[in-house]
Amino acid sequence: MVSNLYLKLSEFQILKGDDRPFGNLYGTASSTVLTEFLSPQEIIDMPEDELLTFLA
């Protein structure tokens, strides 16, 4: 599980400013995305309106 998290999100630490997907890497939204999606592709495949509802 930990290695899967690392592979999915290791780039988060080097992103700066507006390139960061979450303002707080340890906040509710980022934690939920980490636990609900198994890969970045699942996020990409989700329709935008469903993703926005999910994050809200």
PDB file of N, CA and C in Angstrom:
ATOM      1  N   MET A   1       0.828  -1.196   0.000  1.00  0.00           N
ATOM      2  CA  MET A   1       0.000   0.000   0.000  1.00  0.00           C
ATOM      3  C   MET A   1       0.869   1.256   0.000  1.00  0.00           C
ATOM      4  N   VAL A   2       1.877   1.292   0.854  1.00  0.00           N
ATOM      5  CA  VAL A   2       2.727   2.481   0.937  1.00  0.00           C
ATOM      6  C   VAL A   2       3.476   2.701  -0.366  1.00  0.00           C
ATOM      7  N   SER A   3       3.971   1.637  -0.975  1.00  0.00           N
ATOM      8  CA  SER A   3       4.685   1.817  -2.243  1.00  0.00           C
ATOM      9  C   SER A   3       3.744   2.317  -3.330  1.00  0.00           C
ATOM     10  N   ASN A   4       2.488   1.874  -3.313  1.00  0.00           N
ATOM     11  CA  ASN A   4       1.499   2.356  -4.279  1.00  0.00           C
ATOM     12  C   ASN A   4       1.257   3.845  -4.090  1.00  0.00           C
ATOM     13  N   LEU A   5       1.143   4.295  -2.858  1.00  0.00           N
ATOM     14  CA  LEU A   5       0.967   5.716  -2.580  1.00  0.00           C
ATOM     15  C   LEU A   5       2.166   6.514  -3.059  1.00  0.00           C
ATOM     16  N   TYR A   6       3.348   6.007  -2.814  1.00  0.00           N
ATOM     17  CA  TYR A   6       4.553   6.703  -3.254  1.00  0.00           C
ATOM     18  C   TYR A   6       4.572   6.846  -4.770  1.00  0.00           C
ATOM     19  N   LEU A   7       4.280   5.765  -5.470  1.00  0.00           N
ATOM     20  CA  LEU A   7       4.310   5.803  -6.928  1.00  0.00           C
ATOM     21  C   LEU A   7       3.261   6.759  -7.490  1.00  0.00           C
ATOM     22  N   LYS A   8       2.087   6.824  -6.847  1.00  0.00           N
ATOM     23  CA  LYS A   8       1.040   7.710  -7.334  1.00  0.00           C
ATOM     24  C   LYS A   8       1.357   9.169  -7.072  1.00  0.00           C
ATOM     25  N   LEU A   9       2.005   9.465  -5.956  1.00  0.00           N
ATOM     26  CA  LEU A   9       2.076  10.852  -5.512  1.00  0.00           C
ATOM     27  C   LEU A   9       3.479  11.376  -5.241  1.00  0.00           C
ATOM     28  N   SER A  10       4.494  10.667  -5.632  1.00  0.00           N
ATOM     29  CA  SER A  10       5.854  11.098  -5.329  1.00  0.00           C
ATOM     30  C   SER A  10       6.187  12.449  -5.943  1.00  0.00           C
ATOM     31  N   GLU A  11       5.542  12.794  -7.022  1.00  0.00           N
ATOM     32  CA  GLU A  11       5.823  14.058  -7.700  1.00  0.00           C
ATOM     33  C   GLU A  11       5.214  15.256  -6.958  1.00  0.00           C
ATOM     34  N   PHE A  12       4.282  15.014  -6.052  1.00  0.00           N
ATOM     35  CA  PHE A  12       3.658  16.102  -5.298  1.00  0.00           C
ATOM     36  C   PHE A  12       4.687  16.978  -4.596  1.00  0.00           C
ATOM     37  N   GLN A  13       5.740  16.389  -4.098  1.00  0.00           N
ATOM     38  CA  GLN A  13       6.716  17.125  -3.313  1.00  0.00           C
ATOM     39  C   GLN A  13       7.535  18.110  -4.137  1.00  0.00           C
ATOM     40  N   ILE A  14       7.654  17.874  -5.443  1.00  0.00           N
ATOM     41  CA  ILE A  14       8.485  18.768  -6.252  1.00  0.00           C
ATOM     42  C   ILE A  14       7.673  19.809  -7.021  1.00  0.00           C
ATOM     43  N   LEU A  15       6.354  19.661  -7.009  1.00  0.00           N
ATOM     44  CA  LEU A  15       5.509  20.641  -7.699  1.00  0.00           C
ATOM     45  C   LEU A  15       5.446  21.928  -6.895  1.00  0.00           C
ATOM     46  N   LYS A  16       5.382  23.038  -7.577  1.00  0.00           N
ATOM     47  CA  LYS A  16       5.364  24.351  -6.922  1.00  0.00           C
ATOM     48  C   LYS A  16       4.163  25.164  -7.377  1.00  0.00           C
ATOM     49  N   GLY A  17       3.686  26.048  -6.533  1.00  0.00           N
ATOM     50  CA  GLY A  17       2.653  27.023  -6.880  1.00  0.00           C
ATOM     51  C   GLY A  17       1.390  26.426  -7.446  1.00  0.00           C
ATOM     52  N   ASP A  18       0.961  26.941  -8.593  1.00  0.00           N
ATOM     53  CA  ASP A  18      -0.292  26.528  -9.217  1.00  0.00           C
ATOM     54  C   ASP A  18      -0.251  25.113  -9.781  1.00  0.00           C
ATOM     55  N   ASP A  19       0.915  24.502  -9.868  1.00  0.00           N
ATOM     56  CA  ASP A  19       1.023  23.139 -10.376  1.00  0.00           C
ATOM     57  C   ASP A  19       0.599  22.099  -9.335  1.00  0.00           C
ATOM     58  N   ARG A  20       0.515  22.509  -8.077  1.00  0.00           N
ATOM     59  CA  ARG A  20       0.130  21.578  -7.016  1.00  0.00           C
ATOM     60  C   ARG A  20      -1.375  21.328  -7.070  1.00  0.00           C
ATOM     61  N   PRO A  21      -1.797  20.060  -7.076  1.00  0.00           N
ATOM     62  CA  PRO A  21      -3.221  19.765  -7.169  1.00  0.00           C
ATOM     63  C   PRO A  21      -3.993  20.074  -5.890  1.00  0.00           C
ATOM     64  N   PHE A  22      -3.316  20.103  -4.743  1.00  0.00           N
ATOM     65  CA  PHE A  22      -3.971  20.369  -3.465  1.00  0.00           C
ATOM     66  C   PHE A  22      -3.162  21.404  -2.697  1.00  0.00           C
ATOM     67  N   GLY A  23      -3.850  22.303  -2.037  1.00  0.00           N
ATOM     68  CA  GLY A  23      -3.175  23.299  -1.218  1.00  0.00           C
ATOM     69  C   GLY A  23      -2.503  22.681  -0.003  1.00  0.00           C
ATOM     70  N   ASN A  24      -3.113  21.633   0.537  1.00  0.00           N
ATOM     71  CA  ASN A  24      -2.578  20.938   1.705  1.00  0.00           C
ATOM     72  C   ASN A  24      -2.503  19.453   1.373  1.00  0.00           C
ATOM     73  N   LEU A  25      -1.305  18.915   1.302  1.00  0.00           N
ATOM     74  CA  LEU A  25      -1.134  17.500   0.948  1.00  0.00           C
ATOM     75  C   LEU A  25      -1.748  16.562   1.974  1.00  0.00           C
ATOM     76  N   TYR A  26      -1.957  17.052   3.187  1.00  0.00           N
ATOM     77  CA  TYR A  26      -2.483  16.208   4.256  1.00  0.00           C
ATOM     78  C   TYR A  26      -3.924  16.570   4.609  1.00  0.00           C
ATOM     79  N   GLY A  27      -4.578  17.357   3.770  1.00  0.00           N
ATOM     80  CA  GLY A  27      -5.949  17.788   4.005  1.00  0.00           C
ATOM     81  C   GLY A  27      -6.965  16.727   3.619  1.00  0.00           C
ATOM     82  N   THR A  28      -8.218  17.057   3.827  1.00  0.00           N
ATOM     83  CA  THR A  28      -9.311  16.125   3.575  1.00  0.00           C
ATOM     84  C   THR A  28      -9.408  15.720   2.109  1.00  0.00           C
ATOM     85  N   ALA A  29      -9.324  16.679   1.201  1.00  0.00           N
ATOM     86  CA  ALA A  29      -9.473  16.362  -0.225  1.00  0.00           C
ATOM     87  C   ALA A  29      -8.362  15.429  -0.707  1.00  0.00           C
ATOM     88  N   SER A  30      -7.118  15.736  -0.378  1.00  0.00           N
ATOM     89  CA  SER A  30      -6.020  14.877  -0.844  1.00  0.00           C
ATOM     90  C   SER A  30      -6.088  13.507  -0.183  1.00  0.00           C
ATOM     91  N   SER A  31      -6.444  13.445   1.082  1.00  0.00           N
ATOM     92  CA  SER A  31      -6.570  12.152   1.780  1.00  0.00           C
ATOM     93  C   SER A  31      -7.669  11.301   1.154  1.00  0.00           C
ATOM     94  N   THR A  32      -8.787  11.932   0.800  1.00  0.00           N
ATOM     95  CA  THR A  32      -9.894  11.202   0.190  1.00  0.00           C
ATOM     96  C   THR A  32      -9.514  10.674  -1.182  1.00  0.00           C
ATOM     97  N   VAL A  33      -8.841  11.487  -1.967  1.00  0.00           N
ATOM     98  CA  VAL A  33      -8.407  11.047  -3.290  1.00  0.00           C
ATOM     99  C   VAL A  33      -7.441   9.870  -3.163  1.00  0.00           C
ATOM    100  N   LEU A  34      -6.542   9.920  -2.190  1.00  0.00           N
ATOM    101  CA  LEU A  34      -5.590   8.828  -1.992  1.00  0.00           C
ATOM    102  C   LEU A  34      -6.271   7.519  -1.627  1.00  0.00           C
ATOM    103  N   THR A  35      -7.330   7.594  -0.854  1.00  0.00           N
ATOM    104  CA  THR A  35      -7.977   6.364  -0.402  1.00  0.00           C
ATOM    105  C   THR A  35      -9.036   5.840  -1.366  1.00  0.00           C
ATOM    106  N   GLU A  36      -9.617   6.704  -2.178  1.00  0.00           N
ATOM    107  CA  GLU A  36     -10.710   6.285  -3.053  1.00  0.00           C
ATOM    108  C   GLU A  36     -10.278   5.877  -4.454  1.00  0.00           C
ATOM    109  N   PHE A  37      -9.173   6.400  -4.945  1.00  0.00           N
ATOM    110  CA  PHE A  37      -8.723   6.099  -6.297  1.00  0.00           C
ATOM    111  C   PHE A  37      -7.450   5.273  -6.248  1.00  0.00           C
ATOM    112  N   LEU A  38      -7.398   4.220  -7.063  1.00  0.00           N
ATOM    113  CA  LEU A  38      -6.229   3.344  -7.075  1.00  0.00           C
ATOM    114  C   LEU A  38      -5.143   3.818  -8.029  1.00  0.00           C
ATOM    115  N   SER A  39      -5.506   4.692  -8.974  1.00  0.00           N
ATOM    116  CA  SER A  39      -4.514   5.175  -9.931  1.00  0.00           C
ATOM    117  C   SER A  39      -4.924   6.558 -10.434  1.00  0.00           C
ATOM    118  N   PRO A  40      -3.966   7.308 -10.944  1.00  0.00           N
ATOM    119  CA  PRO A  40      -4.311   8.595 -11.556  1.00  0.00           C
ATOM    120  C   PRO A  40      -5.274   8.438 -12.733  1.00  0.00           C
ATOM    121  N   GLN A  41      -5.195   7.307 -13.426  1.00  0.00           N
ATOM    122  CA  GLN A  41      -6.071   7.081 -14.572  1.00  0.00           C
ATOM    123  C   GLN A  41      -7.539   7.044 -14.160  1.00  0.00           C
ATOM    124  N   GLU A  42      -7.836   6.519 -12.957  1.00  0.00           N
ATOM    125  CA  GLU A  42      -9.214   6.497 -12.475  1.00  0.00           C
ATOM    126  C   GLU A  42      -9.752   7.919 -12.307  1.00  0.00           C
ATOM    127  N   ILE A  43      -8.905   8.821 -11.873  1.00  0.00           N
ATOM    128  CA  ILE A  43      -9.305  10.218 -11.721  1.00  0.00           C
ATOM    129  C   ILE A  43      -9.552  10.836 -13.095  1.00  0.00           C
ATOM    130  N   ILE A  44      -8.660  10.562 -14.033  1.00  0.00           N
ATOM    131  CA  ILE A  44      -8.787  11.085 -15.390  1.00  0.00           C
ATOM    132  C   ILE A  44     -10.061  10.579 -16.056  1.00  0.00           C
ATOM    133  N   ASP A  45     -10.394   9.309 -15.819  1.00  0.00           N
ATOM    134  CA  ASP A  45     -11.552   8.696 -16.465  1.00  0.00           C
ATOM    135  C   ASP A  45     -12.888   9.147 -15.876  1.00  0.00           C
ATOM    136  N   MET A  46     -12.879   9.688 -14.662  1.00  0.00           N
ATOM    137  CA  MET A  46     -14.131  10.119 -14.040  1.00  0.00           C
ATOM    138  C   MET A  46     -14.632  11.391 -14.718  1.00  0.00           C
ATOM    139  N   PRO A  47     -15.921  11.435 -15.070  1.00  0.00           N
ATOM    140  CA  PRO A  47     -16.471  12.661 -15.665  1.00  0.00           C
ATOM    141  C   PRO A  47     -16.261  13.858 -14.730  1.00  0.00           C
ATOM    142  N   GLU A  48     -15.988  15.001 -15.329  1.00  0.00           N
ATOM    143  CA  GLU A  48     -15.637  16.190 -14.551  1.00  0.00           C
ATOM    144  C   GLU A  48     -16.697  16.558 -13.517  1.00  0.00           C
ATOM    145  N   ASP A  49     -17.968  16.510 -13.901  1.00  0.00           N
ATOM    146  CA  ASP A  49     -19.014  16.878 -12.947  1.00  0.00           C
ATOM    147  C   ASP A  49     -19.079  15.916 -11.774  1.00  0.00           C
ATOM    148  N   GLU A  50     -18.833  14.626 -12.009  1.00  0.00           N
ATOM    149  CA  GLU A  50     -18.801  13.647 -10.919  1.00  0.00           C
ATOM    150  C   GLU A  50     -17.601  13.883 -10.000  1.00  0.00           C
ATOM    151  N   LEU A  51     -16.455  14.225 -10.589  1.00  0.00           N
ATOM    152  CA  LEU A  51     -15.269  14.494  -9.793  1.00  0.00           C
ATOM    153  C   LEU A  51     -15.477  15.719  -8.916  1.00  0.00           C
ATOM    154  N   LEU A  52     -16.058  16.764  -9.467  1.00  0.00           N
ATOM    155  CA  LEU A  52     -16.324  17.967  -8.693  1.00  0.00           C
ATOM    156  C   LEU A  52     -17.307  17.688  -7.560  1.00  0.00           C
ATOM    157  N   THR A  53     -18.334  16.913  -7.825  1.00  0.00           N
ATOM    158  CA  THR A  53     -19.289  16.535  -6.773  1.00  0.00           C
ATOM    159  C   THR A  53     -18.597  15.702  -5.711  1.00  0.00           C
ATOM    160  N   PHE A  54     -17.759  14.785  -6.124  1.00  0.00           N
ATOM    161  CA  PHE A  54     -17.024  13.932  -5.189  1.00  0.00           C
ATOM    162  C   PHE A  54     -16.146  14.781  -4.264  1.00  0.00           C
ATOM    163  N   LEU A  55     -15.430  15.728  -4.834  1.00  0.00           N
ATOM    164  CA  LEU A  55     -14.524  16.555  -4.021  1.00  0.00           C
ATOM    165  C   LEU A  55     -15.257  17.555  -3.135  1.00  0.00           C
ATOM    166  N   ALA A  56     -16.440  17.971  -3.571  1.00  0.00           N
ATOM    167  CA  ALA A  56     -17.222  18.929  -2.766  1.00  0.00           C
ATOM    168  C   ALA A  56     -17.743  18.241  -1.527  1.00  0.00           C
TER     169      ALA A  56
END
